[in-house]
Amino acid sequence: MEKVRRLRAMSSLCRQQAAYNSMNKWKLLAEAEYWDHLADLELSSDFQQYNSLPATQPRWFE
């Protein structure tokens, strides 16, 4: 999850820069979308790994 946070932070930085840099606004917004896409892929991968783990009973049922 730390990697997802870092990727989202990169996206946020690109969006902030786009707000102040009108000459490169569309390039920076496209880069922000790229970082968001990478974060989505990483999050999806995390969930797939979590869902593939064998189900175990929570401790409170013991």
C-alpha atoms as a PDB file:
ATOM      1  CA  MET A   1       0.000   0.000   0.000  1.00  0.00           C
ATOM      2  CA  GLU A   2       2.963   2.298   0.529  1.00  0.00           C
ATOM      3  CA  LYS A   3       3.724   2.089  -3.182  1.00  0.00           C
ATOM      4  CA  VAL A   4       0.131   3.098  -4.007  1.00  0.00           C
ATOM      5  CA  ARG A   5       0.474   6.140  -1.732  1.00  0.00           C
ATOM      6  CA  ARG A   6       3.714   7.167  -3.442  1.00  0.00           C
ATOM      7  CA  LEU A   7       2.178   6.786  -6.904  1.00  0.00           C
ATOM      8  CA  ARG A   8      -0.850   8.870  -5.872  1.00  0.00           C
ATOM      9  CA  ALA A   9       1.495  11.506  -4.453  1.00  0.00           C
ATOM     10  CA  MET A  10       3.273  11.726  -7.810  1.00  0.00           C
ATOM     11  CA  SER A  11      -0.089  12.184  -9.514  1.00  0.00           C
ATOM     12  CA  SER A  12      -0.990  14.928  -7.074  1.00  0.00           C
ATOM     13  CA  LEU A  13       2.305  16.735  -7.660  1.00  0.00           C
ATOM     14  CA  CYS A  14       1.722  16.670 -11.403  1.00  0.00           C
ATOM     15  CA  ARG A  15      -1.763  18.126 -10.963  1.00  0.00           C
ATOM     16  CA  GLN A  16      -0.431  20.864  -8.684  1.00  0.00           C
ATOM     17  CA  GLN A  17       2.259  21.754 -11.206  1.00  0.00           C
ATOM     18  CA  ALA A  18      -0.348  21.840 -13.983  1.00  0.00           C
ATOM     19  CA  ALA A  19      -2.297  24.452 -12.035  1.00  0.00           C
ATOM     20  CA  TYR A  20       0.724  26.787 -12.059  1.00  0.00           C
ATOM     21  CA  ASN A  21       2.314  25.928 -15.405  1.00  0.00           C
ATOM     22  CA  SER A  22      -0.096  26.728 -18.206  1.00  0.00           C
ATOM     23  CA  MET A  23       2.503  26.025 -20.908  1.00  0.00           C
ATOM     24  CA  ASN A  24       2.789  22.363 -19.904  1.00  0.00           C
ATOM     25  CA  LYS A  25      -0.655  21.903 -18.377  1.00  0.00           C
ATOM     26  CA  TRP A  26      -1.852  19.114 -20.666  1.00  0.00           C
ATOM     27  CA  LYS A  27       1.446  17.239 -20.507  1.00  0.00           C
ATOM     28  CA  LEU A  28       1.396  17.353 -16.703  1.00  0.00           C
ATOM     29  CA  LEU A  29      -2.245  16.276 -16.547  1.00  0.00           C
ATOM     30  CA  ALA A  30      -1.460  13.349 -18.845  1.00  0.00           C
ATOM     31  CA  GLU A  31       1.442  12.407 -16.593  1.00  0.00           C
ATOM     32  CA  ALA A  32      -0.878  12.577 -13.572  1.00  0.00           C
ATOM     33  CA  GLU A  33      -3.241  10.164 -15.316  1.00  0.00           C
ATOM     34  CA  TYR A  34      -0.297   7.852 -15.950  1.00  0.00           C
ATOM     35  CA  TRP A  35       0.628   7.824 -12.230  1.00  0.00           C
ATOM     36  CA  ASP A  36      -3.013   7.195 -11.314  1.00  0.00           C
ATOM     37  CA  HIS A  37      -3.117   4.293 -13.752  1.00  0.00           C
ATOM     38  CA  LEU A  38       0.001   2.765 -12.199  1.00  0.00           C
ATOM     39  CA  ALA A  39      -1.513   3.167  -8.731  1.00  0.00           C
ATOM     40  CA  ASP A  40      -4.722   1.457  -9.879  1.00  0.00           C
ATOM     41  CA  LEU A  41      -2.706  -1.452 -11.304  1.00  0.00           C
ATOM     42  CA  GLU A  42      -0.737  -1.792  -8.077  1.00  0.00           C
ATOM     43  CA  LEU A  43      -3.901  -1.679  -5.972  1.00  0.00           C
ATOM     44  CA  SER A  44      -5.541  -4.291  -8.186  1.00  0.00           C
ATOM     45  CA  SER A  45      -2.492  -6.502  -7.817  1.00  0.00           C
ATOM     46  CA  ASP A  46      -2.608  -6.109  -4.023  1.00  0.00           C
ATOM     47  CA  PHE A  47      -6.271  -7.128  -3.921  1.00  0.00           C
ATOM     48  CA  GLN A  48      -5.668 -10.122  -6.186  1.00  0.00           C
ATOM     49  CA  GLN A  49      -2.889 -11.321  -3.886  1.00  0.00           C
ATOM     50  CA  TYR A  50      -5.090 -10.775  -0.825  1.00  0.00           C
ATOM     51  CA  ASN A  51      -8.027 -12.632  -2.383  1.00  0.00           C
ATOM     52  CA  SER A  52      -5.848 -15.573  -3.388  1.00  0.00           C
ATOM     53  CA  LEU A  53      -4.812 -16.243   0.221  1.00  0.00           C
ATOM     54  CA  PRO A  54      -6.553 -19.189   1.882  1.00  0.00           C
ATOM     55  CA  ALA A  55      -9.491 -18.159   4.024  1.00  0.00           C
ATOM     56  CA  THR A  56      -8.914 -18.523   7.739  1.00  0.00           C
ATOM     57  CA  GLN A  57     -11.234 -18.062  10.662  1.00  0.00           C
ATOM     58  CA  PRO A  58     -10.778 -14.846  12.613  1.00  0.00           C
ATOM     59  CA  ARG A  59      -9.344 -15.334  16.115  1.00  0.00           C
ATOM     60  CA  TRP A  60     -12.540 -14.244  17.842  1.00  0.00           C
ATOM     61  CA  PHE A  61     -14.257 -17.448  16.601  1.00  0.00           C
ATOM     62  CA  GLU A  62     -11.727 -19.726  18.310  1.00  0.00           C
END
